[in-house]
Each structure stands twice: as C-alpha cells, then as structure tokens.
Amino acid sequence: MAMKRFCRTKTGLMENIKECVRFIRKKADFNPEIALILGTGLGNLAARIKPAHVFSYEKLPHFPHSTVRSHKGQLVFGELAGKKVAAMEGRFHFYEGYSLEEVTFAVRVLRELGSKILVVSNAAGGLNLGYRKGEIVLIDDHINFMGVNPLVGPNEEKLGPRFPDMCEPYSRRLIDIASKASAEVKVPVRKGVYIGVTGPCLETRAEYRMMRNFGADLVGMSTVPEVIVAVHMGMEVLGVSVVTDICDPDHLEPCDIQEIIKTANEAGPKLDKLITAAIKRF
C-alpha cells in the first residue's frame, strides 16, 4: 500500500492538521482532554473506554497507516475513568519509512482537538539489569539517539516555539500522580530513562554497553519524537514502558519478537489498571 506523503513545508503541515481536525469534528462532536498512545501489545486499554466514536487511520485525512501487525490502527474517542479521552490503538515509527513529521502528525491533531495531556506507552528492552520482564517503568527522562528530530525545518509559531525547553519532558506532576495510583491499585512501578533509537534491527552487545554507560535504563524505537512534539505544543506528558526483554550484553541471546509481544500482552492488564487509576486522578 502506497504511503501518503506530506507537503514538506510547515505551512503545509498546518493545513493538513486543520483538514484532519475539520474532518473529525464533522463526524464527532467530542473534545478529548487526554490523548493516549497505546504501544506494541498494549492496545487492550481501549476496551475499557466507553466509546463515542471510532475512526480507522485509513479514513482520516493525512494520517499514516500503521504497518505493525500488533497495532490495530484506529483512533477511539470516549470516556475512561470519568475523563474524555482519545486513544490511538497503534502508533507510527520512523523505521516504517515515515518521516518524523508523519510519525508525530496524530499527536498534533489530538492537541488541536483539545488534549492537554499525552499518555504514551511502549514496549521496551530493559538495559537496567535490575529490571525484570513484565515490569512497568515510569519514564522520567529520555535520550534522543535517533539522529533526527521532528522539529527540524521551518518553525510554525502557531504550533510552538522555535526552541522548546526540554528540562522536564515528562511531567513530574503526572509521574507523582501515577506513583500514587500504583500504590492504590497495587501495581508496582519503577522509574527510568528511555533511550530512543531508529530500529528496526535490535541492538548489538557493544551498543547495549554504550547505552548503559549513557545512563539509559530502557531502549525502544518510538516515543521520543511524539514526546518532543507534545512538549513543543505545550502538552503535559506521562510516559510508561513495559519491560519485555532484558538487554544483558554479557548473556545476550537471540530475541524473539513474538515473545516480546507476548510479554507486553501479559503485562497489559497491570498497565491498564495503572493508567486508568492515574487518569482518574488527573
């Protein structure tokens, strides 16, 4: 299936955002307070949402198409824990061949629709050898090791400032709320630093050692571009990872992608419970 391409100017980006927002508003009188991005194996939270409207990505103007098999590829509007939410069942990745403007397009649309908070989840490799498979980690900072940035190019002041500050990309307020929610629902959490890479190949032993020396606790192929764009547009962000495999360079074995998805699926109910409890407190 051919990918839809974007106009490579920020003016074109603004026009595309407005067109998509108009399309959604014509069909759905709904203003989401909170946007959710549900990563690999973590789409079951959408089942907890009392749906008001559901859109296939393929029907939305200028939306990329999700090519990852475990991603459902639809946008769900509805109510969760008493809040109006919009949940992305599946995201887009740089390794799929999309530009970062396309990867982050949905975040920009959801912000224009009214979302002030972004909750982003992912399945990640555990660089911190103290982690265990299936554990949940609240992201308290990240390292952009993708070699690219979604804000490169002319800046559109209507979207955000030329030089957005990244001293607190993950809201301390939301991390504190999620920590308290974890105790309430008895779902233990850790905190850690996420390093974003392009993928799609998994890392070498030498790369794992380097990332650990950088101070990273988790590694994955998403999240960082979405968070950068969210911060650019003034959103508060909560990032949550499920540890799906342990990246021990001294005892490294071939990684089974199906096993990673299975681990994420098994951890899904815990993550669903945590995020629901946190959203209730937002």
C-alpha atoms as a PDB file:
ATOM      1  CA  MET A   1       0.000   0.000   0.000  1.00  0.00           C
ATOM      2  CA  ALA A   2       1.482   3.352  -1.004  1.00  0.00           C
ATOM      3  CA  MET A   3       2.200   5.775   1.807  1.00  0.00           C
ATOM      4  CA  LYS A   4       0.629   9.221   1.660  1.00  0.00           C
ATOM      5  CA  ARG A   5       3.252  11.964   1.566  1.00  0.00           C
ATOM      6  CA  PHE A   6       3.229  15.353   3.188  1.00  0.00           C
ATOM      7  CA  CYS A   7       3.913  18.807   1.844  1.00  0.00           C
ATOM      8  CA  ARG A   8       7.395  19.474   3.164  1.00  0.00           C
ATOM      9  CA  THR A   9       6.673  22.998   4.442  1.00  0.00           C
ATOM     10  CA  LYS A  10       5.314  23.875   7.870  1.00  0.00           C
ATOM     11  CA  THR A  11       2.529  25.784   6.123  1.00  0.00           C
ATOM     12  CA  GLY A  12       1.548  22.504   4.500  1.00  0.00           C
ATOM     13  CA  LEU A  13       1.681  20.789   7.887  1.00  0.00           C
ATOM     14  CA  MET A  14      -0.704  23.348   9.413  1.00  0.00           C
ATOM     15  CA  GLU A  15      -3.109  22.905   6.519  1.00  0.00           C
ATOM     16  CA  ASN A  16      -3.012  19.115   6.902  1.00  0.00           C
ATOM     17  CA  ILE A  17      -3.657  19.338  10.644  1.00  0.00           C
ATOM     18  CA  LYS A  18      -6.621  21.676  10.132  1.00  0.00           C
ATOM     19  CA  GLU A  19      -8.070  19.466   7.405  1.00  0.00           C
ATOM     20  CA  CYS A  20      -7.895  16.383   9.610  1.00  0.00           C
ATOM     21  CA  VAL A  21      -9.384  18.246  12.579  1.00  0.00           C
ATOM     22  CA  ARG A  22     -12.267  19.533  10.404  1.00  0.00           C
ATOM     23  CA  PHE A  23     -12.951  16.003   9.144  1.00  0.00           C
ATOM     24  CA  ILE A  24     -13.120  14.619  12.693  1.00  0.00           C
ATOM     25  CA  ARG A  25     -15.252  17.476  14.015  1.00  0.00           C
ATOM     26  CA  LYS A  26     -17.816  16.999  11.240  1.00  0.00           C
ATOM     27  CA  LYS A  27     -18.360  13.427  12.381  1.00  0.00           C
ATOM     28  CA  ALA A  28     -17.664  13.669  16.117  1.00  0.00           C
ATOM     29  CA  ASP A  29     -18.712  16.445  18.496  1.00  0.00           C
ATOM     30  CA  PHE A  30     -16.072  15.439  21.002  1.00  0.00           C
ATOM     31  CA  ASN A  31     -13.226  17.325  22.714  1.00  0.00           C
ATOM     32  CA  PRO A  32     -10.754  14.889  24.317  1.00  0.00           C
ATOM     33  CA  GLU A  33      -8.986  16.105  27.450  1.00  0.00           C
ATOM     34  CA  ILE A  34      -6.374  13.354  27.357  1.00  0.00           C
ATOM     35  CA  ALA A  35      -4.631  11.647  24.433  1.00  0.00           C
ATOM     36  CA  LEU A  36      -3.353   8.067  24.746  1.00  0.00           C
ATOM     37  CA  ILE A  37      -0.844   6.258  22.542  1.00  0.00           C
ATOM     38  CA  LEU A  38      -1.053   2.509  23.070  1.00  0.00           C
ATOM     39  CA  GLY A  39       2.143   0.752  22.015  1.00  0.00           C
ATOM     40  CA  THR A  40       3.086  -2.778  20.972  1.00  0.00           C
ATOM     41  CA  GLY A  41       0.923  -5.376  22.702  1.00  0.00           C
ATOM     42  CA  LEU A  42      -0.725  -2.730  24.867  1.00  0.00           C
ATOM     43  CA  GLY A  43      -3.920  -1.988  22.965  1.00  0.00           C
ATOM     44  CA  ASN A  44      -6.332  -3.633  25.399  1.00  0.00           C
ATOM     45  CA  LEU A  45      -6.805  -0.426  27.376  1.00  0.00           C
ATOM     46  CA  ALA A  46      -9.056   0.732  24.543  1.00  0.00           C
ATOM     47  CA  ALA A  47     -11.544  -1.960  25.596  1.00  0.00           C
ATOM     48  CA  ARG A  48     -12.015  -0.087  28.896  1.00  0.00           C
ATOM     49  CA  ILE A  49     -13.052   3.058  27.069  1.00  0.00           C
ATOM     50  CA  LYS A  50     -16.768   3.723  26.739  1.00  0.00           C
ATOM     51  CA  PRO A  51     -16.635   4.523  23.015  1.00  0.00           C
ATOM     52  CA  ALA A  52     -18.323   7.500  21.440  1.00  0.00           C
ATOM     53  CA  HIS A  53     -16.600   7.465  18.031  1.00  0.00           C
ATOM     54  CA  VAL A  54     -14.057   5.188  16.315  1.00  0.00           C
ATOM     55  CA  PHE A  55     -12.018   6.153  13.244  1.00  0.00           C
ATOM     56  CA  SER A  56      -9.807   3.873  11.189  1.00  0.00           C
ATOM     57  CA  TYR A  57      -6.495   5.574  10.434  1.00  0.00           C
ATOM     58  CA  GLU A  58      -7.086   4.875   6.751  1.00  0.00           C
ATOM     59  CA  LYS A  59     -10.198   7.071   6.824  1.00  0.00           C
ATOM     60  CA  LEU A  60      -8.507  10.093   8.409  1.00  0.00           C
ATOM     61  CA  PRO A  61      -7.007  12.741   6.094  1.00  0.00           C
ATOM     62  CA  HIS A  62      -3.187  12.714   6.050  1.00  0.00           C
ATOM     63  CA  PHE A  63      -2.936  10.000   8.728  1.00  0.00           C
ATOM     64  CA  PRO A  64      -0.254   7.403   8.019  1.00  0.00           C
ATOM     65  CA  HIS A  65      -1.261   3.737   8.030  1.00  0.00           C
ATOM     66  CA  SER A  66       0.045   1.507  10.804  1.00  0.00           C
ATOM     67  CA  THR A  67       2.084  -1.345   9.294  1.00  0.00           C
ATOM     68  CA  VAL A  68       2.952  -3.114  12.573  1.00  0.00           C
ATOM     69  CA  ARG A  69       0.901  -6.307  12.847  1.00  0.00           C
ATOM     70  CA  SER A  70       0.180  -5.981  16.566  1.00  0.00           C
ATOM     71  CA  HIS A  71      -1.240  -2.459  16.098  1.00  0.00           C
ATOM     72  CA  LYS A  72      -4.951  -2.215  15.358  1.00  0.00           C
ATOM     73  CA  GLY A  73      -4.730   1.109  13.561  1.00  0.00           C
ATOM     74  CA  GLN A  74      -7.687   3.100  14.828  1.00  0.00           C
ATOM     75  CA  LEU A  75      -8.488   6.181  16.875  1.00  0.00           C
ATOM     76  CA  VAL A  76     -11.038   5.719  19.659  1.00  0.00           C
ATOM     77  CA  PHE A  77     -12.866   8.634  21.282  1.00  0.00           C
ATOM     78  CA  GLY A  78     -14.753   8.013  24.509  1.00  0.00           C
ATOM     79  CA  GLU A  79     -14.801   8.112  28.279  1.00  0.00           C
ATOM     80  CA  LEU A  80     -12.286   6.491  30.625  1.00  0.00           C
ATOM     81  CA  ALA A  81     -12.257   6.960  34.401  1.00  0.00           C
ATOM     82  CA  GLY A  82     -14.665   9.873  34.045  1.00  0.00           C
ATOM     83  CA  LYS A  83     -12.462  11.754  31.565  1.00  0.00           C
ATOM     84  CA  LYS A  84     -12.855  12.383  27.840  1.00  0.00           C
ATOM     85  CA  VAL A  85     -10.021  10.588  26.061  1.00  0.00           C
ATOM     86  CA  ALA A  86      -8.766   9.841  22.573  1.00  0.00           C
ATOM     87  CA  ALA A  87      -6.775   6.616  22.281  1.00  0.00           C
ATOM     88  CA  MET A  88      -4.503   5.643  19.422  1.00  0.00           C
ATOM     89  CA  GLU A  89      -4.585   1.863  19.035  1.00  0.00           C
ATOM     90  CA  GLY A  90      -1.207   1.663  17.396  1.00  0.00           C
ATOM     91  CA  ARG A  91       1.408   4.247  16.501  1.00  0.00           C
ATOM     92  CA  PHE A  92       3.748   5.048  13.622  1.00  0.00           C
ATOM     93  CA  HIS A  93       7.510   4.505  13.550  1.00  0.00           C
ATOM     94  CA  PHE A  94      10.432   6.082  11.731  1.00  0.00           C
ATOM     95  CA  TYR A  95      11.604   2.590  10.708  1.00  0.00           C
ATOM     96  CA  GLU A  96       8.377   2.057   8.766  1.00  0.00           C
ATOM     97  CA  GLY A  97       9.613   4.627   6.279  1.00  0.00           C
ATOM     98  CA  TYR A  98       7.609   7.581   7.524  1.00  0.00           C
ATOM     99  CA  SER A  99       9.127  10.985   8.163  1.00  0.00           C
ATOM    100  CA  LEU A 100       9.049  12.207  11.757  1.00  0.00           C
ATOM    101  CA  GLU A 101       6.502  14.812  10.641  1.00  0.00           C
ATOM    102  CA  GLU A 102       4.244  11.901   9.721  1.00  0.00           C
ATOM    103  CA  VAL A 103       5.141   9.861  12.818  1.00  0.00           C
ATOM    104  CA  THR A 104       4.036  12.734  15.058  1.00  0.00           C
ATOM    105  CA  PHE A 105       1.110  14.015  12.994  1.00  0.00           C
ATOM    106  CA  ALA A 106      -1.515  12.334  15.177  1.00  0.00           C
ATOM    107  CA  VAL A 107      -0.160  13.996  18.323  1.00  0.00           C
ATOM    108  CA  ARG A 108      -0.525  17.403  16.684  1.00  0.00           C
ATOM    109  CA  VAL A 109      -4.099  16.621  15.613  1.00  0.00           C
ATOM    110  CA  LEU A 110      -5.065  15.438  19.104  1.00  0.00           C
ATOM    111  CA  ARG A 111      -3.617  18.601  20.643  1.00  0.00           C
ATOM    112  CA  GLU A 112      -5.625  20.734  18.197  1.00  0.00           C
ATOM    113  CA  LEU A 113      -8.740  18.765  19.186  1.00  0.00           C
ATOM    114  CA  GLY A 114      -8.215  19.855  22.789  1.00  0.00           C
ATOM    115  CA  SER A 115      -5.975  17.290  24.507  1.00  0.00           C
ATOM    116  CA  LYS A 116      -3.688  18.922  27.074  1.00  0.00           C
ATOM    117  CA  ILE A 117      -2.209  15.684  28.430  1.00  0.00           C
ATOM    118  CA  LEU A 118      -0.477  12.910  26.484  1.00  0.00           C
ATOM    119  CA  VAL A 119      -0.092   9.430  27.983  1.00  0.00           C
ATOM    120  CA  VAL A 120       2.344   7.419  25.885  1.00  0.00           C
ATOM    121  CA  SER A 121       3.093   3.735  26.409  1.00  0.00           C
ATOM    122  CA  ASN A 122       5.589   1.391  24.808  1.00  0.00           C
ATOM    123  CA  ALA A 123       7.240  -1.999  24.996  1.00  0.00           C
ATOM    124  CA  ALA A 124      10.932  -1.558  25.758  1.00  0.00           C
ATOM    125  CA  GLY A 125      14.107  -3.524  26.309  1.00  0.00           C
ATOM    126  CA  GLY A 126      15.497  -3.407  29.830  1.00  0.00           C
ATOM    127  CA  LEU A 127      19.052  -2.046  29.896  1.00  0.00           C
ATOM    128  CA  ASN A 128      18.918  -1.801  33.676  1.00  0.00           C
ATOM    129  CA  LEU A 129      19.799  -5.306  34.834  1.00  0.00           C
ATOM    130  CA  GLY A 130      17.784  -4.744  37.993  1.00  0.00           C
ATOM    131  CA  TYR A 131      14.616  -4.844  35.907  1.00  0.00           C
ATOM    132  CA  ARG A 132      12.586  -7.984  35.247  1.00  0.00           C
ATOM    133  CA  LYS A 133      10.443  -8.927  32.256  1.00  0.00           C
ATOM    134  CA  GLY A 134       6.898  -7.674  32.597  1.00  0.00           C
ATOM    135  CA  GLU A 135       7.723  -4.838  34.998  1.00  0.00           C
ATOM    136  CA  ILE A 136       6.271  -1.370  34.463  1.00  0.00           C
ATOM    137  CA  VAL A 137       8.536   1.668  34.389  1.00  0.00           C
ATOM    138  CA  LEU A 138       7.520   5.328  34.550  1.00  0.00           C
ATOM    139  CA  ILE A 139       9.765   7.267  32.174  1.00  0.00           C
ATOM    140  CA  ASP A 140      11.307  10.246  33.960  1.00  0.00           C
ATOM    141  CA  ASP A 141      13.609  11.369  31.127  1.00  0.00           C
ATOM    142  CA  HIS A 142      14.812  10.324  27.697  1.00  0.00           C
ATOM    143  CA  ILE A 143      17.808  10.339  25.366  1.00  0.00           C
ATOM    144  CA  ASN A 144      17.173  11.025  21.684  1.00  0.00           C
ATOM    145  CA  PHE A 145      19.600   8.653  19.941  1.00  0.00           C
ATOM    146  CA  MET A 146      17.641   8.549  16.685  1.00  0.00           C
ATOM    147  CA  GLY A 147      19.874  11.067  14.948  1.00  0.00           C
ATOM    148  CA  VAL A 148      16.795  13.018  13.834  1.00  0.00           C
ATOM    149  CA  ASN A 149      14.324  15.439  15.392  1.00  0.00           C
ATOM    150  CA  PRO A 150      10.697  16.131  14.375  1.00  0.00           C
ATOM    151  CA  LEU A 151      11.213  19.895  14.822  1.00  0.00           C
ATOM    152  CA  VAL A 152      13.939  20.228  12.186  1.00  0.00           C
ATOM    153  CA  GLY A 153      12.953  22.705   9.479  1.00  0.00           C
ATOM    154  CA  PRO A 154      11.000  25.971   9.498  1.00  0.00           C
ATOM    155  CA  ASN A 155       9.152  26.507  12.769  1.00  0.00           C
ATOM    156  CA  GLU A 156       5.429  27.217  12.787  1.00  0.00           C
ATOM    157  CA  GLU A 157       4.864  29.587  15.717  1.00  0.00           C
ATOM    158  CA  LYS A 158       1.193  28.581  15.853  1.00  0.00           C
ATOM    159  CA  LEU A 159       2.334  25.093  16.896  1.00  0.00           C
ATOM    160  CA  GLY A 160       5.050  26.047  19.358  1.00  0.00           C
ATOM    161  CA  PRO A 161       8.314  27.949  19.968  1.00  0.00           C
ATOM    162  CA  ARG A 162      11.425  27.587  17.831  1.00  0.00           C
ATOM    163  CA  PHE A 163      13.457  26.286  20.795  1.00  0.00           C
ATOM    164  CA  PRO A 164      11.171  24.374  23.187  1.00  0.00           C
ATOM    165  CA  ASP A 165      12.685  23.697  26.593  1.00  0.00           C
ATOM    166  CA  MET A 166      13.214  20.018  27.439  1.00  0.00           C
ATOM    167  CA  CYS A 167      14.225  20.266  31.104  1.00  0.00           C
ATOM    168  CA  GLU A 168      11.052  18.358  32.065  1.00  0.00           C
ATOM    169  CA  PRO A 169       9.680  16.447  29.052  1.00  0.00           C
ATOM    170  CA  TYR A 170       7.880  14.029  31.378  1.00  0.00           C
ATOM    171  CA  SER A 171       5.703  15.885  33.862  1.00  0.00           C
ATOM    172  CA  ARG A 172       6.815  15.464  37.464  1.00  0.00           C
ATOM    173  CA  ARG A 173       3.232  16.165  38.478  1.00  0.00           C
ATOM    174  CA  LEU A 174       1.905  13.300  36.383  1.00  0.00           C
ATOM    175  CA  ILE A 175       4.704  10.956  37.490  1.00  0.00           C
ATOM    176  CA  ASP A 176       3.776  11.694  41.100  1.00  0.00           C
ATOM    177  CA  ILE A 177       0.106  11.020  40.369  1.00  0.00           C
ATOM    178  CA  ALA A 178       0.952   7.739  38.610  1.00  0.00           C
ATOM    179  CA  SER A 179       3.202   6.697  41.510  1.00  0.00           C
ATOM    180  CA  LYS A 180       0.392   7.253  43.999  1.00  0.00           C
ATOM    181  CA  ALA A 181      -2.044   5.448  41.712  1.00  0.00           C
ATOM    182  CA  SER A 182       0.315   2.462  41.523  1.00  0.00           C
ATOM    183  CA  ALA A 183       0.221   2.090  45.289  1.00  0.00           C
ATOM    184  CA  GLU A 184      -3.559   2.424  45.266  1.00  0.00           C
ATOM    185  CA  VAL A 185      -4.088  -0.383  42.728  1.00  0.00           C
ATOM    186  CA  LYS A 186      -1.107  -2.445  43.944  1.00  0.00           C
ATOM    187  CA  VAL A 187       0.783  -2.329  40.644  1.00  0.00           C
ATOM    188  CA  PRO A 188       4.494  -1.802  41.431  1.00  0.00           C
ATOM    189  CA  VAL A 189       6.368   0.630  39.194  1.00  0.00           C
ATOM    190  CA  ARG A 190       9.970   1.650  38.638  1.00  0.00           C
ATOM    191  CA  LYS A 191      11.359   4.897  37.239  1.00  0.00           C
ATOM    192  CA  GLY A 192      13.919   5.126  34.480  1.00  0.00           C
ATOM    193  CA  VAL A 193      15.484   6.837  31.480  1.00  0.00           C
ATOM    194  CA  TYR A 194      14.365   5.775  27.991  1.00  0.00           C
ATOM    195  CA  ILE A 195      16.696   5.926  25.002  1.00  0.00           C
ATOM    196  CA  GLY A 196      15.039   6.122  21.589  1.00  0.00           C
ATOM    197  CA  VAL A 197      16.673   4.508  18.536  1.00  0.00           C
ATOM    198  CA  THR A 198      15.549   4.258  14.932  1.00  0.00           C
ATOM    199  CA  GLY A 199      15.417   0.455  14.574  1.00  0.00           C
ATOM    200  CA  PRO A 200      14.237  -1.821  13.118  1.00  0.00           C
ATOM    201  CA  CYS A 201      17.182  -4.066  13.969  1.00  0.00           C
ATOM    202  CA  LEU A 202      17.784  -4.827  17.611  1.00  0.00           C
ATOM    203  CA  GLU A 203      20.976  -3.642  19.235  1.00  0.00           C
ATOM    204  CA  THR A 204      24.409  -5.258  19.393  1.00  0.00           C
ATOM    205  CA  ARG A 205      26.178  -6.131  22.636  1.00  0.00           C
ATOM    206  CA  ALA A 206      28.505  -3.153  22.183  1.00  0.00           C
ATOM    207  CA  GLU A 207      25.540  -0.833  21.662  1.00  0.00           C
ATOM    208  CA  TYR A 208      23.855  -2.100  24.829  1.00  0.00           C
ATOM    209  CA  ARG A 209      27.030  -1.413  26.803  1.00  0.00           C
ATOM    210  CA  MET A 210      27.266   2.079  25.341  1.00  0.00           C
ATOM    211  CA  MET A 211      23.617   2.861  26.147  1.00  0.00           C
ATOM    212  CA  ARG A 212      24.031   1.694  29.726  1.00  0.00           C
ATOM    213  CA  ASN A 213      27.102   3.933  30.049  1.00  0.00           C
ATOM    214  CA  PHE A 214      24.964   6.817  28.773  1.00  0.00           C
ATOM    215  CA  GLY A 215      22.660   6.291  31.765  1.00  0.00           C
ATOM    216  CA  ALA A 216      19.742   4.708  29.924  1.00  0.00           C
ATOM    217  CA  ASP A 217      17.523   2.140  31.657  1.00  0.00           C
ATOM    218  CA  LEU A 218      15.246   1.309  28.701  1.00  0.00           C
ATOM    219  CA  VAL A 219      15.603   1.185  24.935  1.00  0.00           C
ATOM    220  CA  GLY A 220      12.935   1.348  22.245  1.00  0.00           C
ATOM    221  CA  MET A 221      12.081   2.529  18.739  1.00  0.00           C
ATOM    222  CA  SER A 222       9.320   5.043  19.457  1.00  0.00           C
ATOM    223  CA  THR A 223       8.040   7.614  21.980  1.00  0.00           C
ATOM    224  CA  VAL A 224      10.830  10.219  21.787  1.00  0.00           C
ATOM    225  CA  PRO A 225       9.545  12.016  18.626  1.00  0.00           C
ATOM    226  CA  GLU A 226       5.980  12.008  19.961  1.00  0.00           C
ATOM    227  CA  VAL A 227       7.082  13.473  23.283  1.00  0.00           C
ATOM    228  CA  ILE A 228       9.203  16.178  21.633  1.00  0.00           C
ATOM    229  CA  VAL A 229       6.214  17.304  19.563  1.00  0.00           C
ATOM    230  CA  ALA A 230       3.903  17.164  22.589  1.00  0.00           C
ATOM    231  CA  VAL A 231       6.283  19.391  24.571  1.00  0.00           C
ATOM    232  CA  HIS A 232       6.573  21.708  21.564  1.00  0.00           C
ATOM    233  CA  MET A 233       2.792  22.159  21.672  1.00  0.00           C
ATOM    234  CA  GLY A 234       2.619  22.671  25.439  1.00  0.00           C
ATOM    235  CA  MET A 235       1.234  19.288  26.498  1.00  0.00           C
ATOM    236  CA  GLU A 236       1.943  17.526  29.778  1.00  0.00           C
ATOM    237  CA  VAL A 237       3.337  14.037  29.201  1.00  0.00           C
ATOM    238  CA  LEU A 238       3.257  10.776  31.133  1.00  0.00           C
ATOM    239  CA  GLY A 239       5.416   8.015  29.647  1.00  0.00           C
ATOM    240  CA  VAL A 240       5.111   4.362  30.648  1.00  0.00           C
ATOM    241  CA  SER A 241       7.151   1.365  29.468  1.00  0.00           C
ATOM    242  CA  VAL A 242       6.652  -2.364  29.846  1.00  0.00           C
ATOM    243  CA  VAL A 243       9.967  -4.219  30.068  1.00  0.00           C
ATOM    244  CA  THR A 244       9.678  -7.013  27.521  1.00  0.00           C
ATOM    245  CA  ASP A 245      13.239  -8.374  27.499  1.00  0.00           C
ATOM    246  CA  ILE A 246      16.489  -7.939  29.403  1.00  0.00           C
ATOM    247  CA  CYS A 247      19.377  -6.471  27.395  1.00  0.00           C
ATOM    248  CA  ASP A 248      22.329  -8.060  29.179  1.00  0.00           C
ATOM    249  CA  PRO A 249      25.313  -7.785  26.815  1.00  0.00           C
ATOM    250  CA  ASP A 250      27.247 -10.473  28.689  1.00  0.00           C
ATOM    251  CA  HIS A 251      24.459 -13.045  28.430  1.00  0.00           C
ATOM    252  CA  LEU A 252      22.736 -11.996  25.215  1.00  0.00           C
ATOM    253  CA  GLU A 253      20.551 -14.445  23.331  1.00  0.00           C
ATOM    254  CA  PRO A 254      18.609 -14.053  20.060  1.00  0.00           C
ATOM    255  CA  CYS A 255      15.421 -12.066  20.656  1.00  0.00           C
ATOM    256  CA  ASP A 256      12.029 -13.488  19.676  1.00  0.00           C
ATOM    257  CA  ILE A 257       9.668 -10.684  18.612  1.00  0.00           C
ATOM    258  CA  GLN A 258       6.630 -12.869  19.276  1.00  0.00           C
ATOM    259  CA  GLU A 259       7.898 -13.444  22.820  1.00  0.00           C
ATOM    260  CA  ILE A 260       8.254  -9.677  23.260  1.00  0.00           C
ATOM    261  CA  ILE A 261       4.652  -9.146  22.154  1.00  0.00           C
ATOM    262  CA  LYS A 262       3.511 -11.965  24.453  1.00  0.00           C
ATOM    263  CA  THR A 263       5.260 -10.358  27.431  1.00  0.00           C
ATOM    264  CA  ALA A 264       3.676  -6.982  26.621  1.00  0.00           C
ATOM    265  CA  ASN A 265       0.244  -8.609  26.343  1.00  0.00           C
ATOM    266  CA  GLU A 266       0.669 -10.372  29.681  1.00  0.00           C
ATOM    267  CA  ALA A 267       1.665  -7.102  31.359  1.00  0.00           C
ATOM    268  CA  GLY A 268      -1.185  -5.258  29.646  1.00  0.00           C
ATOM    269  CA  PRO A 269      -3.821  -5.737  32.382  1.00  0.00           C
ATOM    270  CA  LYS A 270      -1.465  -4.273  35.014  1.00  0.00           C
ATOM    271  CA  LEU A 271      -0.702  -1.305  32.791  1.00  0.00           C
ATOM    272  CA  ASP A 272      -4.408  -0.814  32.003  1.00  0.00           C
ATOM    273  CA  LYS A 273      -5.204  -0.752  35.727  1.00  0.00           C
ATOM    274  CA  LEU A 274      -2.392   1.704  36.451  1.00  0.00           C
ATOM    275  CA  ILE A 275      -3.207   4.143  33.642  1.00  0.00           C
ATOM    276  CA  THR A 276      -6.942   4.055  34.436  1.00  0.00           C
ATOM    277  CA  ALA A 277      -6.243   4.838  38.095  1.00  0.00           C
ATOM    278  CA  ALA A 278      -3.840   7.634  37.144  1.00  0.00           C
ATOM    279  CA  ILE A 279      -6.284   9.205  34.688  1.00  0.00           C
ATOM    280  CA  LYS A 280      -8.949   9.173  37.376  1.00  0.00           C
ATOM    281  CA  ARG A 281      -6.602  11.348  39.477  1.00  0.00           C
ATOM    282  CA  PHE A 282      -5.646  13.759  36.681  1.00  0.00           C
END
